[in-house]
Amino acid sequence: MTNREEIERRRTFAIISHPDAGKTTLTEKLLLYGGAINQAGSVKGKQSAKHAVSDWMDIEKQRGISVTSSVLQFNYAGKCVNILDTPGHQDFSEDTYRTLMAADSAVMVIDAAKGVEAQTIKLFKVCTLRHIPIFTFINKMDREARDPFELMENIEEILGIKTYPMNWPIGCGKEFKGVFDRNTRKVLAFSSDGRANGVKKVDETEAELGDPALDELLTPYLHQQLVDEIELLDGAAEEFDLDKVLRGELSPVFFGSALTNFGVEPFLENFLRLTPTPLARVDSLTGEQVDPCRDEFSAFIFKIQANMNKAHRDRIAFMRICSGKFERGMEAYHVQEGKNIKLATGTQLMAQDRAIVDEAYAGDIIGLFDPGIFSIGDTLCTGKKKVEFAGIPTFSPEHFARIEQKDTMKRKQFVKGMEQIAQEGAIQIFREVGGGMEEVVVGVVGVLQLEVLEYRLNTEYNVEIRMQQLPFEQLRWVQNDPDTYNLRDLDLTSDTKAVEDMKGNRLLLFTSDWAVRWAETHNEELKLSEFGNI
């Protein structure tokens, strides 16, 4: 197969959702269809020894949630599929935002009983920043659910995106009979053997609307209701427009049940048909798009994870390949360091299981062993013409805590642990302007990350800490030149704090929106930003 053929069969997407919408279950079912795993572990079975295949950290297994983002790959129907499984827990981290920067499209999982929830809105906003296609899987139709028309309206009103139902549910909960496929105009009837969580296929019965056999299959009432609803949909719904889907303006919607497997395979087949091949990324040096199929290799680092293997205390840098082909042992130019480095070993990860990768193509995500030379946002490339991809934005934390180590003799381990975990992007570290690391302020997107930080410092670095929650809610990066603009001269509210990050960038911490507005209105030349560049 040529490089172009290999690249064009790649599909790289992230799965996003609110907690408990069934995202991890859907991920596992997709892996089942791809033959990557043989049996799905019931994610909710916390009493059993099974855990979701994408959860590898002990704290994830104990709670039945995803804390970090995993990368999973499988082949299906001639396509090579890369899934970026992001945390859906409400205390997710900035890691989730960054992972979306490496995806070419997103699958949004919504609970049919609850509709769009808070966490989904945050993640959706990051997708719309990049105008990537968003596909919707409305899950848990085998339980009591909201009216499907109401669910569509809910998505359109809250997220501001048009919807197009690719299939339509017939009943819900105990009355859930299946779905009507709007493309083939046939009914796929749902039947369960009660053990559907572990099997690959659910029996499907095909029949056309109006067929007398459907009265027996669905009941006359549900058959008539389906005929009426499809007539209404065909007359009033948004027209299907693939260009709008690819621009992120129209979301194809699928109804189903990941737990019972119903609707998962038709969703996967349609998704792979409609979702784009690897997208071109913009070279920030020239403003031109870098063609994924060009011969020269290019990639960027979007995530760093330390201590994935407790036996080796290693660091893995996750790299999204943007163009060309990766080969084990190849040399590439590290733009930020300004020198060539050898990419000795690439790995693909299936949770804690690893496989050495000899070659990979644009669209693939691979892990590089990192001796400490990579940072998030770094670019690697080959060829005479160097490229550089824009840095990944740093998102403002929403929760802050003051942290210090209990045992001053363990300062070295404390500093190392804090710096390594910060480099992964789960936490941001701030200190007094010009201060040291004896006492630091940590900012996180979700409160759970503070718990994860304490847990990891203890188990991986053998350091115990004291933690005090702080009242700050907002953070802004100061854009003014530090040589000519002194933070001490600013007119600020008494509860506003000036700090700096590990790279010396200056920031202000605020306790409220009102305090932010005060700073902006009382300091004419002050330039503040909600995002910082890594």
Protein backbone atom coordinates (compact mmCIF):
# COMPACT_ATOMS: atom_id res chain seq x y z
CA MET A 1 0.00 0.00 0.00
CA THR A 2 1.32 3.48 -0.85
CA ASN A 3 1.76 6.17 1.81
CA ARG A 4 -1.25 8.03 0.41
CA GLU A 5 -3.46 4.93 0.61
CA GLU A 6 -2.35 4.24 4.19
CA ILE A 7 -3.04 7.85 5.23
CA GLU A 8 -6.42 8.03 3.50
CA ARG A 9 -7.69 4.96 5.37
CA ARG A 10 -6.97 6.62 8.75
CA ARG A 11 -9.80 7.96 10.91
CA THR A 12 -8.84 9.74 14.15
CA PHE A 13 -11.57 10.90 16.52
CA ALA A 14 -12.24 11.73 20.16
CA ILE A 15 -15.24 10.54 22.16
CA ILE A 16 -16.68 13.20 24.48
CA SER A 17 -19.52 13.12 26.98
CA HIS A 18 -20.82 14.07 30.40
CA PRO A 19 -20.17 11.57 33.23
CA ASP A 20 -22.15 8.32 33.01
CA ALA A 21 -23.52 8.92 29.49
CA GLY A 22 -21.92 5.60 28.47
CA LYS A 23 -18.85 6.83 26.63
CA THR A 24 -16.46 4.18 27.92
CA THR A 25 -19.01 1.45 27.18
CA LEU A 26 -19.39 2.71 23.59
CA THR A 27 -15.58 2.79 23.22
CA GLU A 28 -15.37 -0.84 24.32
CA LYS A 29 -18.08 -1.94 21.88
CA LEU A 30 -16.24 -0.22 19.00
CA LEU A 31 -13.09 -2.12 20.05
CA LEU A 32 -15.09 -5.36 20.10
CA TYR A 33 -16.21 -4.81 16.50
CA GLY A 34 -12.64 -4.00 15.51
CA GLY A 35 -11.40 -7.25 17.08
CA ALA A 36 -9.08 -5.31 19.40
CA ILE A 37 -10.58 -7.00 22.47
CA ASN A 38 -12.59 -10.21 22.86
CA GLN A 39 -14.80 -9.37 25.79
CA ALA A 40 -15.99 -6.06 27.15
CA GLY A 41 -15.53 -5.50 30.88
CA SER A 42 -18.70 -4.15 32.39
CA VAL A 43 -17.58 -0.68 33.37
CA LYS A 44 -20.02 -0.39 36.25
CA GLY A 45 -19.05 -3.70 37.83
CA LYS A 46 -16.88 -2.23 40.57
CA GLN A 47 -17.24 -5.37 42.69
CA SER A 48 -15.86 -7.53 39.89
CA ALA A 49 -12.28 -7.70 38.68
CA LYS A 50 -13.19 -6.25 35.27
CA HIS A 51 -12.36 -2.67 34.35
CA ALA A 52 -12.74 -0.75 31.15
CA VAL A 53 -9.83 -1.55 28.85
CA SER A 54 -8.99 2.14 28.47
CA ASP A 55 -8.64 2.77 32.25
CA TRP A 56 -5.11 2.01 33.49
CA MET A 57 -4.50 4.12 36.61
CA ASP A 58 -5.41 2.45 39.94
CA ILE A 59 -7.64 5.36 40.95
CA GLU A 60 -9.62 4.87 37.70
CA LYS A 61 -10.16 1.17 38.40
CA GLN A 62 -11.29 1.84 41.97
CA ARG A 63 -13.90 4.41 40.92
CA GLY A 64 -14.99 3.11 37.51
CA ILE A 65 -14.15 6.44 35.84
CA SER A 66 -11.60 7.68 33.30
CA VAL A 67 -9.10 10.23 34.67
CA THR A 68 -6.58 10.40 31.83
CA SER A 69 -7.03 10.23 28.06
CA SER A 70 -6.23 6.91 26.39
CA VAL A 71 -5.37 6.25 22.75
CA LEU A 72 -6.75 3.07 21.19
CA GLN A 73 -6.32 1.73 17.63
CA PHE A 74 -8.11 -0.97 15.63
CA ASN A 75 -8.92 -1.92 12.02
CA TYR A 76 -12.46 -2.21 10.72
CA ALA A 77 -13.75 -2.62 7.14
CA GLY A 78 -10.43 -1.57 5.64
CA LYS A 79 -10.13 1.57 7.80
CA CYS A 80 -7.49 2.13 10.50
CA VAL A 81 -9.34 3.72 13.41
CA ASN A 82 -7.67 5.78 16.18
CA ILE A 83 -9.92 6.53 19.16
CA LEU A 84 -8.93 9.19 21.69
CA ASP A 85 -10.92 8.26 24.79
CA THR A 86 -11.26 11.40 26.94
CA PRO A 87 -12.35 11.60 30.57
CA GLY A 88 -16.06 12.29 30.91
CA HIS A 89 -15.92 12.68 34.68
CA GLN A 90 -17.03 16.12 35.80
CA ASP A 91 -13.63 16.63 37.40
CA PHE A 92 -11.77 16.03 34.17
CA SER A 93 -8.54 17.86 33.39
CA GLU A 94 -7.03 20.13 30.80
CA ASP A 95 -5.71 16.90 29.29
CA THR A 96 -9.17 16.50 27.74
CA TYR A 97 -8.99 19.85 25.95
CA ARG A 98 -5.55 19.04 24.55
CA THR A 99 -6.63 15.63 23.32
CA LEU A 100 -9.35 17.29 21.25
CA MET A 101 -6.57 19.25 19.51
CA ALA A 102 -5.21 15.94 18.15
CA ALA A 103 -8.55 14.67 16.78
CA ASP A 104 -10.03 15.15 13.30
CA SER A 105 -13.62 14.69 14.46
CA ALA A 106 -15.58 14.06 17.66
CA VAL A 107 -18.32 11.67 18.74
CA MET A 108 -20.58 13.20 21.36
CA VAL A 109 -22.35 10.64 23.58
CA ILE A 110 -25.59 11.87 25.15
CA ASP A 111 -27.75 10.11 27.75
CA ALA A 112 -31.26 9.71 26.27
CA ALA A 113 -32.86 10.40 29.66
CA LYS A 114 -30.85 13.52 30.48
CA GLY A 115 -30.03 15.26 27.19
CA VAL A 116 -27.13 17.75 26.95
CA GLU A 117 -25.32 18.22 30.28
CA ALA A 118 -22.79 20.74 31.58
CA GLN A 119 -19.55 18.87 30.79
CA THR A 120 -20.70 18.16 27.24
CA ILE A 121 -21.12 21.93 26.67
CA LYS A 122 -17.51 22.66 27.72
CA LEU A 123 -16.05 19.96 25.49
CA PHE A 124 -18.31 20.91 22.60
CA LYS A 125 -16.96 24.50 22.75
CA VAL A 126 -13.40 23.22 22.27
CA CYS A 127 -14.55 21.25 19.20
CA THR A 128 -16.25 24.29 17.70
CA LEU A 129 -13.06 26.34 18.16
CA ARG A 130 -11.50 23.99 15.60
CA HIS A 131 -14.63 23.57 13.40
CA ILE A 132 -14.24 19.79 13.39
CA PRO A 133 -17.15 17.45 12.49
CA ILE A 134 -19.26 16.38 15.48
CA PHE A 135 -21.32 13.17 15.40
CA THR A 136 -23.92 12.48 18.10
CA PHE A 137 -24.75 9.06 19.60
CA ILE A 138 -27.85 9.23 21.83
CA ASN A 139 -27.29 6.35 24.19
CA LYS A 140 -29.32 4.23 26.65
CA MET A 141 -32.46 3.87 24.51
CA ASP A 142 -33.05 0.54 26.30
CA ARG A 143 -33.95 2.62 29.38
CA GLU A 144 -36.67 5.23 29.87
CA ALA A 145 -35.78 8.19 27.64
CA ARG A 146 -36.93 11.68 26.72
CA ASP A 147 -38.94 12.23 23.53
CA PRO A 148 -36.52 12.04 20.55
CA PHE A 149 -37.84 15.31 19.05
CA GLU A 150 -37.24 16.98 22.41
CA LEU A 151 -33.67 15.58 22.52
CA MET A 152 -32.91 16.98 19.05
CA GLU A 153 -34.28 20.38 20.07
CA ASN A 154 -32.23 20.21 23.26
CA ILE A 155 -28.99 19.71 21.27
CA GLU A 156 -29.81 22.49 18.82
CA GLU A 157 -30.78 25.03 21.49
CA ILE A 158 -27.98 24.42 23.98
CA LEU A 159 -25.09 23.72 21.60
CA GLY A 160 -26.21 25.88 18.68
CA ILE A 161 -25.62 23.16 16.07
CA LYS A 162 -28.18 21.83 13.59
CA THR A 163 -29.00 18.10 13.80
CA TYR A 164 -29.92 15.40 11.29
CA PRO A 165 -31.24 12.06 12.63
CA MET A 166 -29.63 9.23 10.63
CA ASN A 167 -31.95 6.74 12.32
CA TRP A 168 -35.04 7.04 14.51
CA PRO A 169 -35.90 5.10 17.69
CA ILE A 170 -38.99 2.93 18.03
CA GLY A 171 -40.09 3.18 21.67
CA CYS A 172 -37.70 3.22 24.65
CA GLY A 173 -37.01 1.32 27.88
CA LYS A 174 -38.91 -1.97 28.05
CA GLU A 175 -40.82 -0.89 24.92
CA PHE A 176 -37.64 -0.26 22.89
CA LYS A 177 -38.16 -2.20 19.64
CA GLY A 178 -35.31 -0.91 17.47
CA VAL A 179 -34.59 1.90 15.03
CA PHE A 180 -35.67 2.99 11.57
CA ASP A 181 -32.71 3.63 9.24
CA ARG A 182 -33.54 6.76 7.23
CA ASN A 183 -31.03 5.94 4.50
CA THR A 184 -32.11 2.36 3.69
CA ARG A 185 -35.76 3.08 4.78
CA LYS A 186 -35.78 -0.17 6.76
CA VAL A 187 -36.46 -1.13 10.36
CA LEU A 188 -33.70 -2.72 12.40
CA ALA A 189 -35.50 -4.58 15.17
CA PHE A 190 -33.90 -4.89 18.59
CA SER A 191 -33.82 -8.29 20.28
CA SER A 192 -31.71 -9.16 23.28
CA ASP A 193 -30.57 -12.44 24.77
CA GLY A 194 -29.97 -10.75 28.12
CA ARG A 195 -26.21 -11.17 27.80
CA ALA A 196 -25.65 -8.61 25.04
CA ASN A 197 -22.87 -6.87 26.95
CA GLY A 198 -20.42 -9.58 26.02
CA VAL A 199 -21.48 -10.44 22.47
CA LYS A 200 -20.50 -8.81 19.22
CA LYS A 201 -23.81 -8.85 17.36
CA VAL A 202 -27.44 -8.31 18.14
CA ASP A 203 -30.00 -9.92 15.83
CA GLU A 204 -31.35 -7.47 13.29
CA THR A 205 -34.61 -7.89 11.40
CA GLU A 206 -35.15 -5.83 8.27
CA ALA A 207 -38.62 -4.75 7.17
CA GLU A 208 -40.06 -1.73 5.35
CA LEU A 209 -42.57 0.78 6.74
CA GLY A 210 -46.17 -0.26 6.13
CA ASP A 211 -45.26 -3.96 5.95
CA PRO A 212 -48.01 -5.87 7.85
CA ALA A 213 -45.25 -7.94 9.48
CA LEU A 214 -44.22 -4.79 11.39
CA ASP A 215 -47.55 -4.78 13.27
CA GLU A 216 -46.56 -8.10 14.77
CA LEU A 217 -42.94 -7.09 15.29
CA LEU A 218 -43.51 -3.63 16.80
CA THR A 219 -47.21 -3.69 17.84
CA PRO A 220 -49.75 -1.81 15.66
CA TYR A 221 -49.55 1.28 17.93
CA LEU A 222 -45.75 1.69 17.68
CA HIS A 223 -45.82 0.92 13.94
CA GLN A 224 -48.36 3.70 13.32
CA GLN A 225 -46.45 6.11 15.59
CA LEU A 226 -43.28 5.40 13.59
CA VAL A 227 -45.03 6.03 10.25
CA ASP A 228 -46.32 9.41 11.57
CA GLU A 229 -42.97 10.49 13.02
CA ILE A 230 -40.98 9.57 9.90
CA GLU A 231 -43.47 11.49 7.75
CA LEU A 232 -43.01 14.51 10.04
CA LEU A 233 -39.20 14.17 9.95
CA ASP A 234 -39.04 13.83 6.17
CA GLY A 235 -41.15 16.96 5.78
CA ALA A 236 -39.58 19.22 8.38
CA ALA A 237 -36.06 18.12 9.27
CA GLU A 238 -32.84 19.80 8.16
CA GLU A 239 -31.58 18.46 4.80
CA PHE A 240 -28.50 16.26 5.05
CA ASP A 241 -25.46 18.22 3.82
CA LEU A 242 -22.06 16.53 4.11
CA ASP A 243 -20.20 19.84 3.63
CA LYS A 244 -22.00 21.28 6.66
CA VAL A 245 -21.12 18.15 8.65
CA LEU A 246 -17.43 18.53 7.74
CA ARG A 247 -17.48 22.22 8.76
CA GLY A 248 -18.97 21.32 12.15
CA GLU A 249 -22.32 23.06 11.40
CA LEU A 250 -24.55 19.96 11.21
CA SER A 251 -24.37 16.93 13.50
CA PRO A 252 -25.58 13.51 12.26
CA VAL A 253 -27.50 11.87 15.13
CA PHE A 254 -27.73 8.13 15.86
CA PHE A 255 -29.94 6.46 18.49
CA GLY A 256 -28.93 3.22 20.17
CA SER A 257 -27.75 1.40 23.28
CA ALA A 258 -24.04 0.82 23.79
CA LEU A 259 -24.57 -1.54 26.75
CA THR A 260 -26.79 -3.95 24.77
CA ASN A 261 -24.79 -3.33 21.56
CA PHE A 262 -27.82 -2.19 19.61
CA GLY A 263 -27.12 0.41 16.92
CA VAL A 264 -23.35 0.43 17.54
CA GLU A 265 -22.29 -1.32 14.33
CA PRO A 266 -24.56 0.74 12.00
CA PHE A 267 -23.25 3.85 13.76
CA LEU A 268 -19.62 2.76 13.24
CA GLU A 269 -20.20 1.98 9.54
CA ASN A 270 -21.90 5.32 8.86
CA PHE A 271 -19.41 7.27 10.93
CA LEU A 272 -16.43 5.83 9.03
CA ARG A 273 -18.18 6.59 5.73
CA LEU A 274 -18.85 10.23 6.63
CA THR A 275 -15.94 11.30 8.84
CA PRO A 276 -12.89 12.88 7.14
CA THR A 277 -9.47 11.43 6.39
CA PRO A 278 -6.65 13.12 8.40
CA LEU A 279 -7.11 16.90 8.29
CA ALA A 280 -4.39 19.30 7.12
CA ARG A 281 -2.78 21.38 9.90
CA VAL A 282 -1.56 24.96 9.46
CA ASP A 283 2.17 25.74 9.50
CA SER A 284 2.40 28.80 11.77
CA LEU A 285 5.62 29.94 10.03
CA THR A 286 3.99 30.38 6.61
CA GLY A 287 0.25 30.24 7.35
CA GLU A 288 -0.04 27.48 4.74
CA GLN A 289 -1.70 24.11 5.22
CA VAL A 290 0.55 21.06 5.52
CA ASP A 291 -0.77 18.29 3.24
CA PRO A 292 -1.06 15.04 5.29
CA CYS A 293 -0.06 13.01 2.19
CA ARG A 294 3.21 14.84 1.51
CA ASP A 295 6.40 12.76 1.80
CA GLU A 296 8.03 14.78 4.60
CA PHE A 297 7.16 13.69 8.14
CA SER A 298 5.73 16.22 10.64
CA ALA A 299 4.05 15.83 14.04
CA PHE A 300 3.31 17.62 17.29
CA ILE A 301 3.31 16.56 20.95
CA PHE A 302 -0.09 17.04 22.62
CA LYS A 303 0.23 15.05 25.85
CA ILE A 304 2.93 13.76 28.20
CA GLN A 305 2.31 11.01 30.74
CA ALA A 306 4.84 9.99 33.41
CA ASN A 307 5.02 6.63 35.17
CA MET A 308 2.68 4.66 32.91
CA ASN A 309 4.82 1.65 33.77
CA LYS A 310 5.53 1.57 37.52
CA ALA A 311 8.44 -0.80 37.02
CA HIS A 312 10.29 1.64 34.77
CA ARG A 313 9.34 5.15 36.01
CA ASP A 314 9.15 6.27 32.40
CA ARG A 315 7.66 9.22 30.54
CA ILE A 316 5.71 8.89 27.31
CA ALA A 317 5.18 11.84 24.95
CA PHE A 318 2.05 11.36 22.82
CA MET A 319 2.59 12.51 19.26
CA ARG A 320 -0.02 13.20 16.59
CA ILE A 321 1.47 12.59 13.13
CA CYS A 322 0.33 15.35 10.77
CA SER A 323 2.06 14.35 7.52
CA GLY A 324 4.19 11.60 5.99
CA LYS A 325 5.37 8.43 7.64
CA PHE A 326 7.07 7.60 10.95
CA GLU A 327 9.71 4.86 10.94
CA ARG A 328 11.37 3.51 14.06
CA GLY A 329 14.89 4.87 14.45
CA MET A 330 14.35 7.77 12.04
CA GLU A 331 15.87 11.21 12.64
CA ALA A 332 13.65 14.27 12.92
CA TYR A 333 14.26 17.95 13.61
CA HIS A 334 12.97 19.09 17.00
CA VAL A 335 11.93 22.66 16.19
CA GLN A 336 11.84 24.04 19.76
CA GLU A 337 15.28 22.59 20.64
CA GLY A 338 16.70 23.49 17.22
CA LYS A 339 18.42 20.13 16.67
CA ASN A 340 17.98 16.70 15.12
CA ILE A 341 17.00 13.84 17.42
CA LYS A 342 16.59 10.11 16.88
CA LEU A 343 13.04 8.80 17.32
CA ALA A 344 14.27 5.50 18.66
CA THR A 345 11.10 3.72 19.77
CA GLY A 346 7.49 4.42 19.05
CA THR A 347 4.79 2.62 21.00
CA GLN A 348 1.08 2.18 20.54
CA LEU A 349 -0.89 1.81 23.71
CA MET A 350 -3.97 -0.20 24.53
CA ALA A 351 -4.40 1.11 28.08
CA GLN A 352 -1.39 -0.35 29.97
CA ASP A 353 -0.55 -2.82 27.18
CA ARG A 354 2.06 -1.62 24.71
CA ALA A 355 3.26 -2.63 21.29
CA ILE A 356 6.42 -1.40 19.59
CA VAL A 357 5.58 0.43 16.37
CA ASP A 358 7.90 0.13 13.37
CA GLU A 359 5.91 2.51 11.19
CA ALA A 360 2.95 4.87 11.47
CA TYR A 361 1.26 7.41 9.21
CA ALA A 362 -0.44 10.82 9.27
CA GLY A 363 -3.50 10.55 11.51
CA ASP A 364 -1.89 8.01 13.86
CA ILE A 365 -1.11 8.73 17.51
CA ILE A 366 2.01 7.10 18.93
CA GLY A 367 3.91 7.35 22.17
CA LEU A 368 7.61 8.27 22.22
CA PHE A 369 9.83 7.46 25.19
CA ASP A 370 10.74 10.88 26.56
CA PRO A 371 14.02 11.37 28.44
CA GLY A 372 12.79 14.85 29.41
CA ILE A 373 13.31 16.73 26.13
CA PHE A 374 9.69 17.16 25.00
CA SER A 375 7.10 19.71 26.04
CA ILE A 376 3.43 19.89 25.08
CA GLY A 377 3.05 21.71 21.76
CA ASP A 378 6.52 20.78 20.38
CA THR A 379 6.86 20.16 16.62
CA LEU A 380 8.97 17.43 14.98
CA CYS A 381 9.61 17.40 11.22
CA THR A 382 11.89 16.18 8.42
CA GLY A 383 12.88 17.70 5.06
CA LYS A 384 14.66 20.89 4.04
CA LYS A 385 11.60 23.08 4.56
CA LYS A 386 10.91 23.22 8.30
CA VAL A 387 7.35 23.49 9.61
CA GLU A 388 6.07 24.52 13.00
CA PHE A 389 2.56 23.91 14.30
CA ALA A 390 0.92 26.48 16.55
CA GLY A 391 1.32 25.90 20.28
CA ILE A 392 -1.62 24.28 22.04
CA PRO A 393 -3.46 26.86 24.16
CA THR A 394 -3.37 26.63 27.95
CA PHE A 395 -6.86 26.79 29.39
CA SER A 396 -7.71 28.74 32.52
CA PRO A 397 -8.04 26.54 35.65
CA GLU A 398 -11.20 26.82 37.72
CA HIS A 399 -9.95 25.51 41.08
CA PHE A 400 -6.84 26.49 43.05
CA ALA A 401 -5.00 25.16 46.11
CA ARG A 402 -1.83 26.04 48.06
CA ILE A 403 0.45 23.01 48.34
CA GLU A 404 3.59 22.27 50.36
CA GLN A 405 5.42 19.08 51.30
CA LYS A 406 5.12 17.81 54.90
CA ASP A 407 8.70 16.52 55.09
CA THR A 408 11.20 19.22 54.10
CA MET A 409 13.86 16.50 53.59
CA LYS A 410 11.86 15.30 50.56
CA ARG A 411 12.05 18.61 48.72
CA LYS A 412 13.83 17.04 45.71
CA GLN A 413 11.12 14.36 45.20
CA PHE A 414 8.41 17.00 45.72
CA VAL A 415 9.83 19.34 43.07
CA LYS A 416 10.41 16.46 40.62
CA GLY A 417 6.90 15.06 41.12
CA MET A 418 5.21 18.45 40.80
CA GLU A 419 7.16 19.36 37.66
CA GLN A 420 6.58 16.00 35.94
CA ILE A 421 2.85 15.96 36.66
CA ALA A 422 2.62 19.61 35.52
CA GLN A 423 4.39 18.72 32.26
CA GLU A 424 1.64 16.16 31.59
CA GLY A 425 -0.84 19.04 31.58
CA ALA A 426 -3.12 17.79 34.36
CA ILE A 427 -2.13 20.65 36.68
CA GLN A 428 -0.64 24.13 36.34
CA ILE A 429 1.90 25.35 38.90
CA PHE A 430 2.23 28.99 40.00
CA ARG A 431 4.53 30.62 42.53
CA GLU A 432 5.09 34.05 44.04
CA VAL A 433 6.72 36.37 41.47
CA GLY A 434 10.45 35.66 41.82
CA GLY A 435 9.74 32.97 44.46
CA GLY A 436 10.85 29.34 44.79
CA MET A 437 9.13 25.94 45.01
CA GLU A 438 8.83 25.71 48.83
CA GLU A 439 5.17 26.60 48.59
CA VAL A 440 3.24 26.67 45.34
CA VAL A 441 -0.26 27.40 44.07
CA VAL A 442 -1.72 24.66 41.87
CA GLY A 443 -4.51 25.35 39.37
CA VAL A 444 -6.71 22.58 37.92
CA VAL A 445 -9.71 22.43 35.59
CA GLY A 446 -11.51 19.84 37.77
CA VAL A 447 -11.31 19.28 41.55
CA LEU A 448 -10.59 15.56 41.10
CA GLN A 449 -7.16 16.49 39.71
CA LEU A 450 -6.14 17.76 43.18
CA GLU A 451 -7.03 14.35 44.59
CA VAL A 452 -5.16 12.63 41.75
CA LEU A 453 -2.14 14.91 42.40
CA GLU A 454 -2.05 13.99 46.11
CA TYR A 455 -2.50 10.28 45.30
CA ARG A 456 0.26 10.27 42.65
CA LEU A 457 2.76 12.26 44.73
CA ASN A 458 2.25 9.71 47.50
CA THR A 459 2.33 6.50 45.44
CA GLU A 460 4.80 7.45 42.68
CA TYR A 461 7.15 9.89 44.46
CA ASN A 462 6.67 8.90 48.13
CA VAL A 463 5.84 12.49 49.14
CA GLU A 464 3.09 13.58 51.54
CA ILE A 465 1.64 17.06 51.13
CA ARG A 466 -0.49 19.64 52.94
CA MET A 467 -3.20 21.15 50.74
CA GLN A 468 -5.32 24.26 51.35
CA GLN A 469 -8.12 25.17 48.92
CA LEU A 470 -7.97 28.82 47.78
CA PRO A 471 -10.93 31.07 46.92
CA PHE A 472 -9.72 32.01 43.41
CA GLU A 473 -12.05 31.27 40.49
CA GLN A 474 -10.45 33.04 37.53
CA LEU A 475 -7.00 33.34 36.05
CA ARG A 476 -5.73 35.75 33.38
CA TRP A 477 -2.38 35.91 31.57
CA VAL A 478 -0.75 39.37 31.58
CA GLN A 479 0.21 40.22 27.99
CA ASN A 480 2.18 43.42 28.74
CA ASP A 481 5.98 43.57 28.42
CA PRO A 482 7.47 42.63 31.84
CA ASP A 483 10.40 45.05 31.38
CA THR A 484 8.16 48.10 31.13
CA TYR A 485 5.08 47.05 33.09
CA ASN A 486 5.37 46.39 36.83
CA LEU A 487 2.56 44.36 38.42
CA ARG A 488 3.16 46.13 41.76
CA ASP A 489 1.88 49.38 40.24
CA LEU A 490 -1.52 47.94 39.33
CA ASP A 491 -4.76 49.05 40.97
CA LEU A 492 -6.32 45.70 41.98
CA THR A 493 -8.86 44.45 44.54
CA SER A 494 -7.27 43.33 47.81
CA ASP A 495 -8.06 39.65 47.14
CA THR A 496 -6.35 39.58 43.70
CA LYS A 497 -2.98 37.81 43.64
CA ALA A 498 -0.08 38.21 41.18
CA VAL A 499 1.85 35.00 40.39
CA GLU A 500 4.11 33.55 37.70
CA ASP A 501 4.15 30.14 36.02
CA MET A 502 7.14 27.82 35.62
CA LYS A 503 8.21 29.63 32.44
CA GLY A 504 8.14 33.06 34.05
CA ASN A 505 4.87 34.22 32.45
CA ARG A 506 3.01 36.63 34.73
CA LEU A 507 -0.61 36.00 35.75
CA LEU A 508 -3.30 37.41 37.99
CA LEU A 509 -5.60 35.23 40.14
CA PHE A 510 -9.09 36.62 40.82
CA THR A 511 -11.84 35.55 43.22
CA SER A 512 -14.71 36.72 40.99
CA ASP A 513 -15.76 38.15 37.61
CA TRP A 514 -16.21 41.48 39.38
CA ALA A 515 -12.52 41.49 40.41
CA VAL A 516 -11.50 40.81 36.77
CA ARG A 517 -13.63 43.75 35.56
CA TRP A 518 -12.12 46.00 38.27
CA ALA A 519 -8.59 45.21 37.05
CA GLU A 520 -9.56 45.90 33.42
CA THR A 521 -11.37 49.20 34.10
CA HIS A 522 -8.87 50.63 36.63
CA ASN A 523 -5.70 49.86 34.61
CA GLU A 524 -6.08 51.30 31.11
CA GLU A 525 -2.98 49.76 29.54
CA LEU A 526 -3.34 46.32 31.16
CA LYS A 527 -3.80 43.56 28.56
CA LEU A 528 -5.25 40.29 29.89
CA SER A 529 -5.90 36.99 28.09
CA GLU A 530 -8.08 33.98 29.02
CA PHE A 531 -5.70 31.62 27.19
CA GLY A 532 -1.95 31.24 27.44
CA ASN A 533 0.31 29.51 24.95
CA ILE A 534 2.36 26.60 26.14
